[in-house]
Amino acid sequence: MAAQVGNHPHFRTPALEERDCGLVAAVLSGRSLVAMLLSLYRLAVTSRRAEGTEELVSYADWAMAAQVYYATARVLSRAFCEEGDPVVVKIDDRVPARP
């Protein structure tokens, strides 16, 4: 995500906190969240190949951007919180364990 969003003037790279099972947590400010959504939306709705980039790399960038963008947008569209309450977006693509 940082590679796609890092050049936006309002994005500040957050500190990352490792969680169980390989998950990572990041806290974004409102400005960074908006920068992230704008940058990822631009990439998610544009499926064309970036100049000088391999087709598979471009497709992977598009797929990851679309997933993060739409998961975040879905949570934000349903967020009703009091001031100061954090909004949590959890993206976990691991294959579920067998029962």
PDB file of N, CA and C in Angstrom:
ATOM      1  N   MET A   1       0.814  -1.178   0.000  1.00  0.00           N
ATOM      2  CA  MET A   1       0.000   0.000   0.000  1.00  0.00           C
ATOM      3  C   MET A   1       0.863   1.248   0.000  1.00  0.00           C
ATOM      4  N   ALA A   2       1.897   1.252   0.822  1.00  0.00           N
ATOM      5  CA  ALA A   2       2.750   2.439   0.916  1.00  0.00           C
ATOM      6  C   ALA A   2       3.402   2.770  -0.424  1.00  0.00           C
ATOM      7  N   ALA A   3       3.705   1.755  -1.228  1.00  0.00           N
ATOM      8  CA  ALA A   3       4.310   2.002  -2.536  1.00  0.00           C
ATOM      9  C   ALA A   3       3.341   2.725  -3.456  1.00  0.00           C
ATOM     10  N   GLN A   4       2.064   2.441  -3.342  1.00  0.00           N
ATOM     11  CA  GLN A   4       1.061   3.082  -4.186  1.00  0.00           C
ATOM     12  C   GLN A   4       0.643   4.450  -3.662  1.00  0.00           C
ATOM     13  N   VAL A   5       0.701   4.642  -2.368  1.00  0.00           N
ATOM     14  CA  VAL A   5       0.172   5.851  -1.742  1.00  0.00           C
ATOM     15  C   VAL A   5       1.270   6.802  -1.276  1.00  0.00           C
ATOM     16  N   GLY A   6       2.472   6.282  -1.108  1.00  0.00           N
ATOM     17  CA  GLY A   6       3.555   7.042  -0.490  1.00  0.00           C
ATOM     18  C   GLY A   6       3.878   8.379  -1.113  1.00  0.00           C
ATOM     19  N   ASN A   7       3.584   8.573  -2.397  1.00  0.00           N
ATOM     20  CA  ASN A   7       3.896   9.844  -3.043  1.00  0.00           C
ATOM     21  C   ASN A   7       2.827  10.908  -2.856  1.00  0.00           C
ATOM     22  N   HIS A   8       1.689  10.546  -2.309  1.00  0.00           N
ATOM     23  CA  HIS A   8       0.624  11.531  -2.099  1.00  0.00           C
ATOM     24  C   HIS A   8       1.074  12.514  -1.017  1.00  0.00           C
ATOM     25  N   PRO A   9       0.889  13.824  -1.243  1.00  0.00           N
ATOM     26  CA  PRO A   9       1.396  14.819  -0.285  1.00  0.00           C
ATOM     27  C   PRO A   9       0.771  14.755   1.107  1.00  0.00           C
ATOM     28  N   HIS A  10      -0.401  14.153   1.246  1.00  0.00           N
ATOM     29  CA  HIS A  10      -1.053  14.100   2.555  1.00  0.00           C
ATOM     30  C   HIS A  10      -0.830  12.779   3.283  1.00  0.00           C
ATOM     31  N   PHE A  11      -0.144  11.839   2.639  1.00  0.00           N
ATOM     32  CA  PHE A  11       0.058  10.530   3.263  1.00  0.00           C
ATOM     33  C   PHE A  11       1.308  10.537   4.126  1.00  0.00           C
ATOM     34  N   ARG A  12       1.168  10.050   5.330  1.00  0.00           N
ATOM     35  CA  ARG A  12       2.296   9.856   6.244  1.00  0.00           C
ATOM     36  C   ARG A  12       2.357   8.370   6.548  1.00  0.00           C
ATOM     37  N   THR A  13       3.514   7.770   6.341  1.00  0.00           N
ATOM     38  CA  THR A  13       3.670   6.346   6.584  1.00  0.00           C
ATOM     39  C   THR A  13       3.455   6.045   8.064  1.00  0.00           C
ATOM     40  N   PRO A  14       2.490   5.182   8.370  1.00  0.00           N
ATOM     41  CA  PRO A  14       2.196   4.890   9.772  1.00  0.00           C
ATOM     42  C   PRO A  14       3.173   3.882  10.358  1.00  0.00           C
ATOM     43  N   ALA A  15       3.245   3.897  11.667  1.00  0.00           N
ATOM     44  CA  ALA A  15       3.994   2.852  12.359  1.00  0.00           C
ATOM     45  C   ALA A  15       3.184   1.568  12.229  1.00  0.00           C
ATOM     46  N   LEU A  16       3.872   0.457  12.078  1.00  0.00           N
ATOM     47  CA  LEU A  16       3.200  -0.831  11.940  1.00  0.00           C
ATOM     48  C   LEU A  16       3.404  -1.648  13.205  1.00  0.00           C
ATOM     49  N   GLU A  17       2.375  -2.371  13.577  1.00  0.00           N
ATOM     50  CA  GLU A  17       2.431  -3.231  14.765  1.00  0.00           C
ATOM     51  C   GLU A  17       2.103  -4.650  14.324  1.00  0.00           C
ATOM     52  N   GLU A  18       3.036  -5.562  14.547  1.00  0.00           N
ATOM     53  CA  GLU A  18       2.788  -6.953  14.172  1.00  0.00           C
ATOM     54  C   GLU A  18       1.786  -7.567  15.135  1.00  0.00           C
ATOM     55  N   ARG A  19       0.872  -8.328  14.567  1.00  0.00           N
ATOM     56  CA  ARG A  19      -0.147  -9.026  15.345  1.00  0.00           C
ATOM     57  C   ARG A  19       0.028 -10.519  15.160  1.00  0.00           C
ATOM     58  N   ASP A  20      -0.818 -11.290  15.801  1.00  0.00           N
ATOM     59  CA  ASP A  20      -0.758 -12.750  15.678  1.00  0.00           C
ATOM     60  C   ASP A  20      -0.994 -13.200  14.237  1.00  0.00           C
ATOM     61  N   CYS A  21      -0.433 -14.322  13.902  1.00  0.00           N
ATOM     62  CA  CYS A  21      -0.672 -15.009  12.626  1.00  0.00           C
ATOM     63  C   CYS A  21      -0.258 -14.193  11.410  1.00  0.00           C
ATOM     64  N   GLY A  22       0.722 -13.329  11.553  1.00  0.00           N
ATOM     65  CA  GLY A  22       1.233 -12.582  10.415  1.00  0.00           C
ATOM     66  C   GLY A  22       0.449 -11.341  10.037  1.00  0.00           C
ATOM     67  N   LEU A  23      -0.558 -10.973  10.804  1.00  0.00           N
ATOM     68  CA  LEU A  23      -1.304  -9.746  10.526  1.00  0.00           C
ATOM     69  C   LEU A  23      -0.505  -8.535  10.989  1.00  0.00           C
ATOM     70  N   VAL A  24      -0.798  -7.385  10.398  1.00  0.00           N
ATOM     71  CA  VAL A  24      -0.122  -6.139  10.740  1.00  0.00           C
ATOM     72  C   VAL A  24      -1.195  -5.085  10.980  1.00  0.00           C
ATOM     73  N   ALA A  25      -1.011  -4.256  12.002  1.00  0.00           N
ATOM     74  CA  ALA A  25      -1.938  -3.165  12.298  1.00  0.00           C
ATOM     75  C   ALA A  25      -1.251  -1.839  12.011  1.00  0.00           C
ATOM     76  N   ALA A  26      -2.009  -0.906  11.447  1.00  0.00           N
ATOM     77  CA  ALA A  26      -1.501   0.432  11.168  1.00  0.00           C
ATOM     78  C   ALA A  26      -2.580   1.433  11.544  1.00  0.00           C
ATOM     79  N   VAL A  27      -2.187   2.523  12.181  1.00  0.00           N
ATOM     80  CA  VAL A  27      -3.129   3.576  12.539  1.00  0.00           C
ATOM     81  C   VAL A  27      -2.878   4.744  11.587  1.00  0.00           C
ATOM     82  N   LEU A  28      -3.934   5.143  10.868  1.00  0.00           N
ATOM     83  CA  LEU A  28      -3.819   6.244   9.916  1.00  0.00           C
ATOM     84  C   LEU A  28      -4.563   7.467  10.429  1.00  0.00           C
ATOM     85  N   SER A  29      -4.006   8.634  10.177  1.00  0.00           N
ATOM     86  CA  SER A  29      -4.715   9.875  10.467  1.00  0.00           C
ATOM     87  C   SER A  29      -5.796  10.061   9.405  1.00  0.00           C
ATOM     88  N   GLY A  30      -6.690  10.982   9.616  1.00  0.00           N
ATOM     89  CA  GLY A  30      -7.736  11.254   8.631  1.00  0.00           C
ATOM     90  C   GLY A  30      -7.153  11.678   7.296  1.00  0.00           C
ATOM     91  N   ARG A  31      -6.143  12.530   7.321  1.00  0.00           N
ATOM     92  CA  ARG A  31      -5.504  12.989   6.074  1.00  0.00           C
ATOM     93  C   ARG A  31      -4.860  11.824   5.335  1.00  0.00           C
ATOM     94  N   SER A  32      -4.169  10.968   6.073  1.00  0.00           N
ATOM     95  CA  SER A  32      -3.534   9.813   5.434  1.00  0.00           C
ATOM     96  C   SER A  32      -4.574   8.851   4.886  1.00  0.00           C
ATOM     97  N   LEU A  33      -5.682   8.694   5.591  1.00  0.00           N
ATOM     98  CA  LEU A  33      -6.751   7.818   5.123  1.00  0.00           C
ATOM     99  C   LEU A  33      -7.339   8.339   3.809  1.00  0.00           C
ATOM    100  N   VAL A  34      -7.581   9.636   3.736  1.00  0.00           N
ATOM    101  CA  VAL A  34      -8.101  10.227   2.504  1.00  0.00           C
ATOM    102  C   VAL A  34      -7.095  10.063   1.366  1.00  0.00           C
ATOM    103  N   ALA A  35      -5.814  10.312   1.638  1.00  0.00           N
ATOM    104  CA  ALA A  35      -4.772  10.134   0.621  1.00  0.00           C
ATOM    105  C   ALA A  35      -4.731   8.688   0.148  1.00  0.00           C
ATOM    106  N   MET A  36      -4.853   7.758   1.085  1.00  0.00           N
ATOM    107  CA  MET A  36      -4.840   6.345   0.728  1.00  0.00           C
ATOM    108  C   MET A  36      -6.026   6.005  -0.164  1.00  0.00           C
ATOM    109  N   LEU A  37      -7.224   6.443   0.232  1.00  0.00           N
ATOM    110  CA  LEU A  37      -8.414   6.135  -0.553  1.00  0.00           C
ATOM    111  C   LEU A  37      -8.346   6.742  -1.952  1.00  0.00           C
ATOM    112  N   LEU A  38      -7.896   7.981  -2.062  1.00  0.00           N
ATOM    113  CA  LEU A  38      -7.775   8.617  -3.379  1.00  0.00           C
ATOM    114  C   LEU A  38      -6.789   7.879  -4.274  1.00  0.00           C
ATOM    115  N   SER A  39      -5.638   7.550  -3.723  1.00  0.00           N
ATOM    116  CA  SER A  39      -4.606   6.866  -4.510  1.00  0.00           C
ATOM    117  C   SER A  39      -5.039   5.466  -4.911  1.00  0.00           C
ATOM    118  N   LEU A  40      -5.613   4.719  -3.978  1.00  0.00           N
ATOM    119  CA  LEU A  40      -6.039   3.354  -4.281  1.00  0.00           C
ATOM    120  C   LEU A  40      -7.234   3.335  -5.222  1.00  0.00           C
ATOM    121  N   TYR A  41      -8.139   4.302  -5.077  1.00  0.00           N
ATOM    122  CA  TYR A  41      -9.277   4.387  -5.999  1.00  0.00           C
ATOM    123  C   TYR A  41      -8.781   4.611  -7.423  1.00  0.00           C
ATOM    124  N   ARG A  42      -7.852   5.523  -7.565  1.00  0.00           N
ATOM    125  CA  ARG A  42      -7.287   5.817  -8.892  1.00  0.00           C
ATOM    126  C   ARG A  42      -6.725   4.538  -9.521  1.00  0.00           C
ATOM    127  N   LEU A  43      -6.024   3.752  -8.742  1.00  0.00           N
ATOM    128  CA  LEU A  43      -5.448   2.509  -9.258  1.00  0.00           C
ATOM    129  C   LEU A  43      -6.512   1.424  -9.435  1.00  0.00           C
ATOM    130  N   ALA A  44      -7.461   1.338  -8.510  1.00  0.00           N
ATOM    131  CA  ALA A  44      -8.469   0.279  -8.552  1.00  0.00           C
ATOM    132  C   ALA A  44      -9.409   0.416  -9.745  1.00  0.00           C
ATOM    133  N   VAL A  45      -9.730   1.632 -10.147  1.00  0.00           N
ATOM    134  CA  VAL A  45     -10.655   1.812 -11.261  1.00  0.00           C
ATOM    135  C   VAL A  45      -9.928   1.866 -12.597  1.00  0.00           C
ATOM    136  N   THR A  46      -8.619   1.854 -12.566  1.00  0.00           N
ATOM    137  CA  THR A  46      -7.823   1.876 -13.787  1.00  0.00           C
ATOM    138  C   THR A  46      -7.134   0.539 -13.919  1.00  0.00           C
ATOM    139  N   SER A  47      -7.620  -0.283 -14.814  1.00  0.00           N
ATOM    140  CA  SER A  47      -7.026  -1.613 -14.953  1.00  0.00           C
ATOM    141  C   SER A  47      -5.928  -1.638 -16.011  1.00  0.00           C
ATOM    142  N   ARG A  48      -5.591  -0.480 -16.566  1.00  0.00           N
ATOM    143  CA  ARG A  48      -4.560  -0.481 -17.610  1.00  0.00           C
ATOM    144  C   ARG A  48      -3.177  -0.671 -17.012  1.00  0.00           C
ATOM    145  N   ARG A  49      -2.286  -1.113 -17.838  1.00  0.00           N
ATOM    146  CA  ARG A  49      -0.933  -1.406 -17.406  1.00  0.00           C
ATOM    147  C   ARG A  49      -0.119  -0.123 -17.275  1.00  0.00           C
ATOM    148  N   ALA A  50       0.605   0.014 -16.184  1.00  0.00           N
ATOM    149  CA  ALA A  50       1.482   1.164 -15.987  1.00  0.00           C
ATOM    150  C   ALA A  50       2.654   1.063 -16.954  1.00  0.00           C
ATOM    151  N   GLU A  51       3.055   2.191 -17.490  1.00  0.00           N
ATOM    152  CA  GLU A  51       4.167   2.201 -18.439  1.00  0.00           C
ATOM    153  C   GLU A  51       5.438   1.674 -17.784  1.00  0.00           C
ATOM    154  N   GLY A  52       6.110   0.768 -18.487  1.00  0.00           N
ATOM    155  CA  GLY A  52       7.358   0.216 -17.980  1.00  0.00           C
ATOM    156  C   GLY A  52       7.181  -0.850 -16.911  1.00  0.00           C
ATOM    157  N   THR A  53       5.951  -1.328 -16.734  1.00  0.00           N
ATOM    158  CA  THR A  53       5.678  -2.330 -15.703  1.00  0.00           C
ATOM    159  C   THR A  53       5.179  -3.611 -16.369  1.00  0.00           C
ATOM    160  N   GLU A  54       5.643  -4.725 -15.859  1.00  0.00           N
ATOM    161  CA  GLU A  54       5.177  -6.022 -16.358  1.00  0.00           C
ATOM    162  C   GLU A  54       3.678  -6.157 -16.169  1.00  0.00           C
ATOM    163  N   GLU A  55       3.053  -6.908 -17.064  1.00  0.00           N
ATOM    164  CA  GLU A  55       1.608  -7.091 -17.001  1.00  0.00           C
ATOM    165  C   GLU A  55       1.167  -7.724 -15.685  1.00  0.00           C
ATOM    166  N   LEU A  56       1.859  -8.764 -15.227  1.00  0.00           N
ATOM    167  CA  LEU A  56       1.478  -9.426 -13.978  1.00  0.00           C
ATOM    168  C   LEU A  56       1.676  -8.524 -12.768  1.00  0.00           C
ATOM    169  N   VAL A  57       2.720  -7.718 -12.790  1.00  0.00           N
ATOM    170  CA  VAL A  57       2.948  -6.776 -11.683  1.00  0.00           C
ATOM    171  C   VAL A  57       1.827  -5.745 -11.654  1.00  0.00           C
ATOM    172  N   SER A  58       1.461  -5.217 -12.816  1.00  0.00           N
ATOM    173  CA  SER A  58       0.359  -4.250 -12.888  1.00  0.00           C
ATOM    174  C   SER A  58      -0.943  -4.863 -12.405  1.00  0.00           C
ATOM    175  N   TYR A  59      -1.202  -6.106 -12.811  1.00  0.00           N
ATOM    176  CA  TYR A  59      -2.422  -6.779 -12.379  1.00  0.00           C
ATOM    177  C   TYR A  59      -2.414  -6.986 -10.869  1.00  0.00           C
ATOM    178  N   ALA A  60      -1.282  -7.387 -10.317  1.00  0.00           N
ATOM    179  CA  ALA A  60      -1.181  -7.596  -8.865  1.00  0.00           C
ATOM    180  C   ALA A  60      -1.394  -6.277  -8.122  1.00  0.00           C
ATOM    181  N   ASP A  61      -0.798  -5.192  -8.624  1.00  0.00           N
ATOM    182  CA  ASP A  61      -0.997  -3.871  -8.002  1.00  0.00           C
ATOM    183  C   ASP A  61      -2.471  -3.495  -8.022  1.00  0.00           C
ATOM    184  N   TRP A  62      -3.119  -3.714  -9.177  1.00  0.00           N
ATOM    185  CA  TRP A  62      -4.540  -3.402  -9.307  1.00  0.00           C
ATOM    186  C   TRP A  62      -5.363  -4.241  -8.333  1.00  0.00           C
ATOM    187  N   ALA A  63      -5.092  -5.537  -8.261  1.00  0.00           N
ATOM    188  CA  ALA A  63      -5.870  -6.435  -7.403  1.00  0.00           C
ATOM    189  C   ALA A  63      -5.741  -6.052  -5.928  1.00  0.00           C
ATOM    190  N   MET A  64      -4.525  -5.769  -5.501  1.00  0.00           N
ATOM    191  CA  MET A  64      -4.322  -5.387  -4.095  1.00  0.00           C
ATOM    192  C   MET A  64      -4.955  -4.037  -3.796  1.00  0.00           C
ATOM    193  N   ALA A  65      -4.800  -3.082  -4.699  1.00  0.00           N
ATOM    194  CA  ALA A  65      -5.391  -1.753  -4.493  1.00  0.00           C
ATOM    195  C   ALA A  65      -6.911  -1.848  -4.427  1.00  0.00           C
ATOM    196  N   ALA A  66      -7.497  -2.608  -5.336  1.00  0.00           N
ATOM    197  CA  ALA A  66      -8.953  -2.756  -5.344  1.00  0.00           C
ATOM    198  C   ALA A  66      -9.445  -3.405  -4.058  1.00  0.00           C
ATOM    199  N   GLN A  67      -8.753  -4.415  -3.607  1.00  0.00           N
ATOM    200  CA  GLN A  67      -9.175  -5.107  -2.387  1.00  0.00           C
ATOM    201  C   GLN A  67      -9.129  -4.174  -1.175  1.00  0.00           C
ATOM    202  N   VAL A  68      -8.033  -3.475  -1.000  1.00  0.00           N
ATOM    203  CA  VAL A  68      -7.899  -2.578   0.155  1.00  0.00           C
ATOM    204  C   VAL A  68      -8.882  -1.415   0.043  1.00  0.00           C
ATOM    205  N   TYR A  69      -9.011  -0.856  -1.155  1.00  0.00           N
ATOM    206  CA  TYR A  69      -9.931   0.272  -1.340  1.00  0.00           C
ATOM    207  C   TYR A  69     -11.362  -0.129  -1.012  1.00  0.00           C
ATOM    208  N   TYR A  70     -11.857  -1.197  -1.635  1.00  0.00           N
ATOM    209  CA  TYR A  70     -13.250  -1.576  -1.445  1.00  0.00           C
ATOM    210  C   TYR A  70     -13.536  -2.070  -0.030  1.00  0.00           C
ATOM    211  N   ALA A  71     -12.601  -2.754   0.603  1.00  0.00           N
ATOM    212  CA  ALA A  71     -12.799  -3.185   1.993  1.00  0.00           C
ATOM    213  C   ALA A  71     -12.885  -1.974   2.915  1.00  0.00           C
ATOM    214  N   THR A  72     -12.025  -1.001   2.707  1.00  0.00           N
ATOM    215  CA  THR A  72     -12.029   0.210   3.528  1.00  0.00           C
ATOM    216  C   THR A  72     -13.288   1.030   3.270  1.00  0.00           C
ATOM    217  N   ALA A  73     -13.634   1.210   2.008  1.00  0.00           N
ATOM    218  CA  ALA A  73     -14.832   1.981   1.666  1.00  0.00           C
ATOM    219  C   ALA A  73     -16.085   1.340   2.249  1.00  0.00           C
ATOM    220  N   ARG A  74     -16.154   0.011   2.223  1.00  0.00           N
ATOM    221  CA  ARG A  74     -17.312  -0.711   2.782  1.00  0.00           C
ATOM    222  C   ARG A  74     -17.452  -0.429   4.280  1.00  0.00           C
ATOM    223  N   VAL A  75     -16.352  -0.485   5.004  1.00  0.00           N
ATOM    224  CA  VAL A  75     -16.399  -0.224   6.450  1.00  0.00           C
ATOM    225  C   VAL A  75     -16.763   1.231   6.715  1.00  0.00           C
ATOM    226  N   LEU A  76     -16.147   2.156   5.982  1.00  0.00           N
ATOM    227  CA  LEU A  76     -16.413   3.576   6.206  1.00  0.00           C
ATOM    228  C   LEU A  76     -17.852   3.951   5.863  1.00  0.00           C
ATOM    229  N   SER A  77     -18.443   3.285   4.883  1.00  0.00           N
ATOM    230  CA  SER A  77     -19.821   3.606   4.503  1.00  0.00           C
ATOM    231  C   SER A  77     -20.818   3.214   5.589  1.00  0.00           C
ATOM    232  N   ARG A  78     -20.407   2.310   6.491  1.00  0.00           N
ATOM    233  CA  ARG A  78     -21.281   1.867   7.591  1.00  0.00           C
ATOM    234  C   ARG A  78     -20.826   2.393   8.945  1.00  0.00           C
ATOM    235  N   ALA A  79     -19.838   3.267   8.959  1.00  0.00           N
ATOM    236  CA  ALA A  79     -19.268   3.717  10.232  1.00  0.00           C
ATOM    237  C   ALA A  79     -20.124   4.812  10.857  1.00  0.00           C
ATOM    238  N   PHE A  80     -20.641   4.515  12.018  1.00  0.00           N
ATOM    239  CA  PHE A  80     -21.345   5.488  12.840  1.00  0.00           C
ATOM    240  C   PHE A  80     -20.666   5.449  14.199  1.00  0.00           C
ATOM    241  N   CYS A  81     -19.847   6.425  14.466  1.00  0.00           N
ATOM    242  CA  CYS A  81     -19.130   6.384  15.733  1.00  0.00           C
ATOM    243  C   CYS A  81     -19.134   7.754  16.384  1.00  0.00           C
ATOM    244  N   GLU A  82     -18.929   7.749  17.653  1.00  0.00           N
ATOM    245  CA  GLU A  82     -18.789   8.983  18.410  1.00  0.00           C
ATOM    246  C   GLU A  82     -17.403   9.543  18.154  1.00  0.00           C
ATOM    247  N   GLU A  83     -17.257  10.821  18.326  1.00  0.00           N
ATOM    248  CA  GLU A  83     -15.952  11.448  18.128  1.00  0.00           C
ATOM    249  C   GLU A  83     -14.913  10.789  19.020  1.00  0.00           C
ATOM    250  N   GLY A  84     -13.788  10.458  18.421  1.00  0.00           N
ATOM    251  CA  GLY A  84     -12.702   9.840  19.167  1.00  0.00           C
ATOM    252  C   GLY A  84     -12.662   8.325  19.072  1.00  0.00           C
ATOM    253  N   ASP A  85     -13.779   7.713  18.682  1.00  0.00           N
ATOM    254  CA  ASP A  85     -13.784   6.257  18.530  1.00  0.00           C
ATOM    255  C   ASP A  85     -13.083   5.885  17.228  1.00  0.00           C
ATOM    256  N   PRO A  86     -12.161   4.938  17.263  1.00  0.00           N
ATOM    257  CA  PRO A  86     -11.477   4.549  16.023  1.00  0.00           C
ATOM    258  C   PRO A  86     -12.386   3.688  15.139  1.00  0.00           C
ATOM    259  N   VAL A  87     -12.176   3.806  13.862  1.00  0.00           N
ATOM    260  CA  VAL A  87     -12.845   2.934  12.900  1.00  0.00           C
ATOM    261  C   VAL A  87     -11.826   1.868  12.536  1.00  0.00           C
ATOM    262  N   VAL A  88     -12.222   0.606  12.649  1.00  0.00           N
ATOM    263  CA  VAL A  88     -11.302  -0.499  12.405  1.00  0.00           C
ATOM    264  C   VAL A  88     -11.659  -1.170  11.081  1.00  0.00           C
ATOM    265  N   VAL A  89     -10.664  -1.277  10.220  1.00  0.00           N
ATOM    266  CA  VAL A  89     -10.821  -1.988   8.953  1.00  0.00           C
ATOM    267  C   VAL A  89      -9.895  -3.194   9.035  1.00  0.00           C
ATOM    268  N   LYS A  90     -10.473  -4.381   8.931  1.00  0.00           N
ATOM    269  CA  LYS A  90      -9.674  -5.598   9.009  1.00  0.00           C
ATOM    270  C   LYS A  90      -9.727  -6.307   7.658  1.00  0.00           C
ATOM    271  N   ILE A  91      -8.564  -6.514   7.075  1.00  0.00           N
ATOM    272  CA  ILE A  91      -8.464  -7.224   5.807  1.00  0.00           C
ATOM    273  C   ILE A  91      -7.622  -8.463   6.074  1.00  0.00           C
ATOM    274  N   ASP A  92      -8.257  -9.606   6.007  1.00  0.00           N
ATOM    275  CA  ASP A  92      -7.580 -10.864   6.303  1.00  0.00           C
ATOM    276  C   ASP A  92      -7.892 -11.843   5.177  1.00  0.00           C
ATOM    277  N   ASP A  93      -6.925 -12.063   4.312  1.00  0.00           N
ATOM    278  CA  ASP A  93      -7.119 -12.917   3.142  1.00  0.00           C
ATOM    279  C   ASP A  93      -6.609 -14.334   3.323  1.00  0.00           C
ATOM    280  N   ARG A  94      -6.256 -14.676   4.518  1.00  0.00           N
ATOM    281  CA  ARG A  94      -5.720 -16.027   4.709  1.00  0.00           C
ATOM    282  C   ARG A  94      -6.771 -17.063   4.384  1.00  0.00           C
ATOM    283  N   VAL A  95      -6.310 -18.193   3.940  1.00  0.00           N
ATOM    284  CA  VAL A  95      -7.207 -19.318   3.683  1.00  0.00           C
ATOM    285  C   VAL A  95      -7.671 -19.830   5.037  1.00  0.00           C
ATOM    286  N   PRO A  96      -8.980 -20.018   5.212  1.00  0.00           N
ATOM    287  CA  PRO A  96      -9.462 -20.499   6.508  1.00  0.00           C
ATOM    288  C   PRO A  96      -8.892 -21.882   6.836  1.00  0.00           C
ATOM    289  N   ALA A  97      -8.655 -22.102   8.121  1.00  0.00           N
ATOM    290  CA  ALA A  97      -8.143 -23.392   8.567  1.00  0.00           C
ATOM    291  C   ALA A  97      -9.208 -24.454   8.342  1.00  0.00           C
ATOM    292  N   ARG A  98      -8.759 -25.649   8.078  1.00  0.00           N
ATOM    293  CA  ARG A  98      -9.682 -26.763   7.906  1.00  0.00           C
ATOM    294  C   ARG A  98     -10.269 -27.129   9.255  1.00  0.00           C
ATOM    295  N   PRO A  99     -11.570 -27.478   9.272  1.00  0.00           N
ATOM    296  CA  PRO A  99     -12.197 -27.859  10.557  1.00  0.00           C
ATOM    297  C   PRO A  99     -11.670 -29.172  11.079  1.00  0.00           C
TER     298      PRO A  99
END
